Amino acid sequence: MPLILFNKPFQVMCQFSAHATRPTLADHLTIPGIYPAGRLDADSEGLVLLTDDGRLQYDISHPLQKQAKTYLAQVEGVVTDEALQRLRAPLDLGDFITLPCQAVRIAEPGWLWPRTPPIRTRLGIPASWIALTLTEGKNRQVRRMTAAVGLPTLRLIRIAIGPYALATHPLLPGEWMEVSPLEMRRK
């Protein structure tokens, strides 16, 4: 029953079945019988956990389990205290209201790998970085949250899920490693 940590590159589909125009997990992982516990959209990068254990997959990805997931978001504009307060509080996104979360302004991470293709830059419009930690994960939620406070997301990287983080398990995009699932089960 392996637990695989995988750093999903930009534009890779979080599925094993073939995609007409984009690479998939099958282009990076050849371990039989594993499935992603949760997903990242093609435009997002970072940590994905995969397992062949259905119970562990549930413990990682089901909303009732409330696993903390931390994201770094490069956003267009200057992050204000007001925008951070709105992100932290329940935020009405129209079809649902988010749970409270952690949101802090950070400096651009010096350890972060370059994205290919690079993020577009616009003269006269600054970019900023935010670290967000959520206990839910609806489709494109972080992107929708930052847009709702006037800070469109330019780049989104998930750096941690529960006790597993790229800071303690450094992987470059496309790299993976097997870890013990015991940390997840201890929660």
Protein backbone atom coordinates (compact mmCIF):
# COMPACT_ATOMS: atom_id res chain seq x y z
CA MET A 1 0.00 0.00 0.00
CA PRO A 2 2.27 2.79 -1.18
CA LEU A 3 1.73 6.47 -0.61
CA ILE A 4 3.33 8.45 -3.41
CA LEU A 5 4.19 12.14 -3.21
CA PHE A 6 4.32 13.65 -6.69
CA ASN A 7 5.17 17.20 -7.74
CA LYS A 8 2.72 17.74 -10.60
CA PRO A 9 4.09 19.98 -13.33
CA PHE A 10 2.11 22.81 -14.92
CA GLN A 11 -0.31 21.62 -17.66
CA VAL A 12 -0.23 17.95 -16.60
CA MET A 13 -3.72 16.46 -16.24
CA CYS A 14 -4.34 14.84 -12.85
CA GLN A 15 -5.53 11.56 -14.40
CA PHE A 16 -4.00 8.37 -15.79
CA SER A 17 -6.26 8.03 -18.83
CA ALA A 18 -4.97 9.57 -22.03
CA HIS A 19 -5.79 13.19 -22.83
CA ALA A 20 -5.99 14.49 -26.39
CA THR A 21 -3.68 17.49 -25.96
CA ARG A 22 -1.91 17.33 -22.59
CA PRO A 23 0.38 15.00 -20.67
CA THR A 24 -1.12 13.02 -17.79
CA LEU A 25 0.08 11.30 -14.63
CA ALA A 26 0.80 8.22 -16.77
CA ASP A 27 3.62 10.17 -18.45
CA HIS A 28 5.37 10.46 -15.07
CA LEU A 29 4.28 7.47 -12.94
CA THR A 30 4.24 3.80 -13.94
CA ILE A 31 3.25 2.32 -10.57
CA PRO A 32 0.26 0.02 -11.16
CA GLY A 33 -3.00 0.46 -9.27
CA ILE A 34 -2.45 3.90 -7.74
CA TYR A 35 -4.89 6.79 -7.96
CA PRO A 36 -4.72 10.45 -6.99
CA ALA A 37 -6.23 11.34 -3.62
CA GLY A 38 -7.66 14.67 -4.74
CA ARG A 39 -6.76 16.62 -7.83
CA LEU A 40 -5.07 19.74 -9.11
CA ASP A 41 -6.31 21.41 -12.27
CA ALA A 42 -4.00 21.52 -15.28
CA ASP A 43 -3.06 25.16 -14.60
CA SER A 44 -1.92 24.37 -11.04
CA GLU A 45 1.35 22.82 -9.93
CA GLY A 46 2.63 21.04 -6.88
CA LEU A 47 1.96 18.27 -4.43
CA VAL A 48 -0.40 15.42 -5.31
CA LEU A 49 -0.70 12.29 -3.16
CA LEU A 50 -1.43 8.95 -4.82
CA THR A 51 -2.25 5.59 -3.27
CA ASP A 52 -3.76 2.18 -3.96
CA ASP A 53 -5.48 2.16 -0.54
CA GLY A 54 -9.13 3.27 -0.76
CA ARG A 55 -9.39 4.07 2.96
CA LEU A 56 -6.24 6.20 2.83
CA GLN A 57 -7.50 7.94 -0.29
CA TYR A 58 -10.69 8.79 1.64
CA ASP A 59 -8.68 10.04 4.65
CA ILE A 60 -6.70 12.36 2.38
CA SER A 61 -9.33 13.71 0.04
CA HIS A 62 -12.80 13.54 1.55
CA PRO A 63 -14.09 16.97 2.71
CA LEU A 64 -15.24 15.55 6.07
CA GLN A 65 -11.62 14.69 6.92
CA LYS A 66 -10.62 18.38 6.75
CA GLN A 67 -7.00 17.77 5.74
CA ALA A 68 -5.15 21.08 5.64
CA LYS A 69 -3.81 21.95 2.20
CA THR A 70 -1.37 24.82 1.74
CA TYR A 71 -1.04 26.73 -1.50
CA LEU A 72 1.25 29.49 -2.72
CA ALA A 73 -0.54 31.88 -5.04
CA GLN A 74 1.18 34.47 -7.17
CA VAL A 75 -1.48 37.10 -7.74
CA GLU A 76 -1.83 40.17 -9.90
CA GLY A 77 -1.85 43.32 -7.79
CA VAL A 78 -0.77 44.34 -4.30
CA VAL A 79 -2.05 42.22 -1.41
CA THR A 80 -3.69 44.51 1.13
CA ASP A 81 -4.63 43.79 4.74
CA GLU A 82 -8.28 44.13 3.72
CA ALA A 83 -7.89 41.48 1.00
CA LEU A 84 -6.22 39.12 3.50
CA GLN A 85 -9.03 39.62 6.02
CA ARG A 86 -11.63 38.83 3.35
CA LEU A 87 -9.72 35.69 2.32
CA ARG A 88 -9.49 34.50 5.95
CA ALA A 89 -13.20 34.98 6.68
CA PRO A 90 -15.97 32.93 5.09
CA LEU A 91 -16.16 34.25 1.52
CA ASP A 92 -19.31 34.03 -0.60
CA LEU A 93 -18.33 32.73 -4.04
CA GLY A 94 -21.91 32.60 -5.32
CA ASP A 95 -22.47 28.84 -5.34
CA PHE A 96 -20.92 28.25 -1.91
CA ILE A 97 -19.41 30.06 1.07
CA THR A 98 -15.85 29.11 1.95
CA LEU A 99 -14.78 27.99 5.39
CA PRO A 100 -12.40 30.28 7.30
CA CYS A 101 -8.79 29.77 6.25
CA GLN A 102 -5.31 31.06 6.87
CA ALA A 103 -3.98 33.66 4.44
CA VAL A 104 -0.69 35.55 4.74
CA ARG A 105 1.30 37.79 2.43
CA ILE A 106 4.73 36.32 1.70
CA ALA A 107 7.82 37.27 -0.27
CA GLU A 108 8.42 35.48 -3.54
CA PRO A 109 9.79 32.05 -2.55
CA GLY A 110 13.48 31.89 -3.48
CA TRP A 111 13.44 28.08 -3.61
CA LEU A 112 10.64 27.86 -6.16
CA TRP A 113 11.41 26.31 -9.53
CA PRO A 114 10.81 28.40 -12.66
CA ARG A 115 7.58 27.67 -14.50
CA THR A 116 7.59 26.67 -18.16
CA PRO A 117 6.22 28.67 -19.86
CA PRO A 118 6.97 31.60 -17.57
CA ILE A 119 4.24 33.71 -16.00
CA ARG A 120 3.29 36.68 -18.12
CA THR A 121 4.37 39.97 -16.66
CA ARG A 122 2.61 43.25 -17.26
CA LEU A 123 4.42 46.53 -17.01
CA GLY A 124 2.81 48.76 -14.42
CA ILE A 125 0.89 45.95 -12.68
CA PRO A 126 2.76 44.42 -9.76
CA ALA A 127 2.53 40.79 -8.70
CA SER A 128 2.44 39.58 -5.09
CA TRP A 129 2.46 36.24 -3.26
CA ILE A 130 0.03 34.77 -0.72
CA ALA A 131 0.20 31.53 1.28
CA LEU A 132 -3.26 30.05 1.87
CA THR A 133 -4.11 27.04 4.03
CA LEU A 134 -7.57 25.55 3.50
CA THR A 135 -9.39 22.58 4.99
CA GLU A 136 -11.66 22.22 1.98
CA GLY A 137 -10.89 22.01 -1.68
CA LYS A 138 -13.63 22.75 -4.14
CA ASN A 139 -12.98 23.06 -7.86
CA ARG A 140 -10.70 26.06 -8.58
CA GLN A 141 -11.44 27.39 -5.10
CA VAL A 142 -8.20 29.31 -4.48
CA ARG A 143 -8.38 30.95 -7.90
CA ARG A 144 -11.99 31.94 -7.28
CA MET A 145 -11.18 33.27 -3.80
CA THR A 146 -8.30 35.49 -4.94
CA ALA A 147 -10.36 36.78 -7.89
CA ALA A 148 -13.24 37.60 -5.50
CA VAL A 149 -10.95 39.94 -3.54
CA GLY A 150 -9.56 41.60 -6.69
CA LEU A 151 -6.32 39.61 -6.94
CA PRO A 152 -6.44 37.26 -9.94
CA THR A 153 -4.16 34.23 -9.59
CA LEU A 154 -1.25 34.07 -12.00
CA ARG A 155 0.42 30.94 -10.59
CA LEU A 156 -0.81 28.38 -8.06
CA ILE A 157 1.34 25.77 -6.32
CA ARG A 158 0.12 23.32 -3.66
CA ILE A 159 3.03 22.83 -1.28
CA ALA A 160 1.47 20.72 1.51
CA ILE A 161 -1.30 18.22 2.23
CA GLY A 162 -1.73 17.29 5.89
CA PRO A 163 1.67 16.27 7.28
CA TYR A 164 3.34 15.99 3.85
CA ALA A 165 5.07 19.05 2.40
CA LEU A 166 7.48 19.88 -0.39
CA ALA A 167 9.59 21.68 2.23
CA THR A 168 10.38 18.37 3.98
CA HIS A 169 10.14 16.16 0.87
CA PRO A 170 11.75 18.35 -1.83
CA LEU A 171 10.77 17.27 -5.31
CA LEU A 172 11.18 19.07 -8.60
CA PRO A 173 8.26 19.08 -11.05
CA GLY A 174 7.73 15.57 -12.41
CA GLU A 175 9.59 13.88 -9.54
CA TRP A 176 7.98 11.51 -7.04
CA MET A 177 8.87 9.50 -3.97
CA GLU A 178 7.26 6.81 -1.86
CA VAL A 179 6.66 7.63 1.82
CA SER A 180 5.08 5.90 4.79
CA PRO A 181 1.35 6.54 5.10
CA LEU A 182 1.67 6.32 8.91
CA GLU A 183 1.90 10.11 9.33
CA MET A 184 -1.49 10.53 7.66
CA ARG A 185 -3.06 7.79 9.74
CA ARG A 186 -1.86 9.40 13.01
CA LYS A 187 -3.84 12.59 12.52
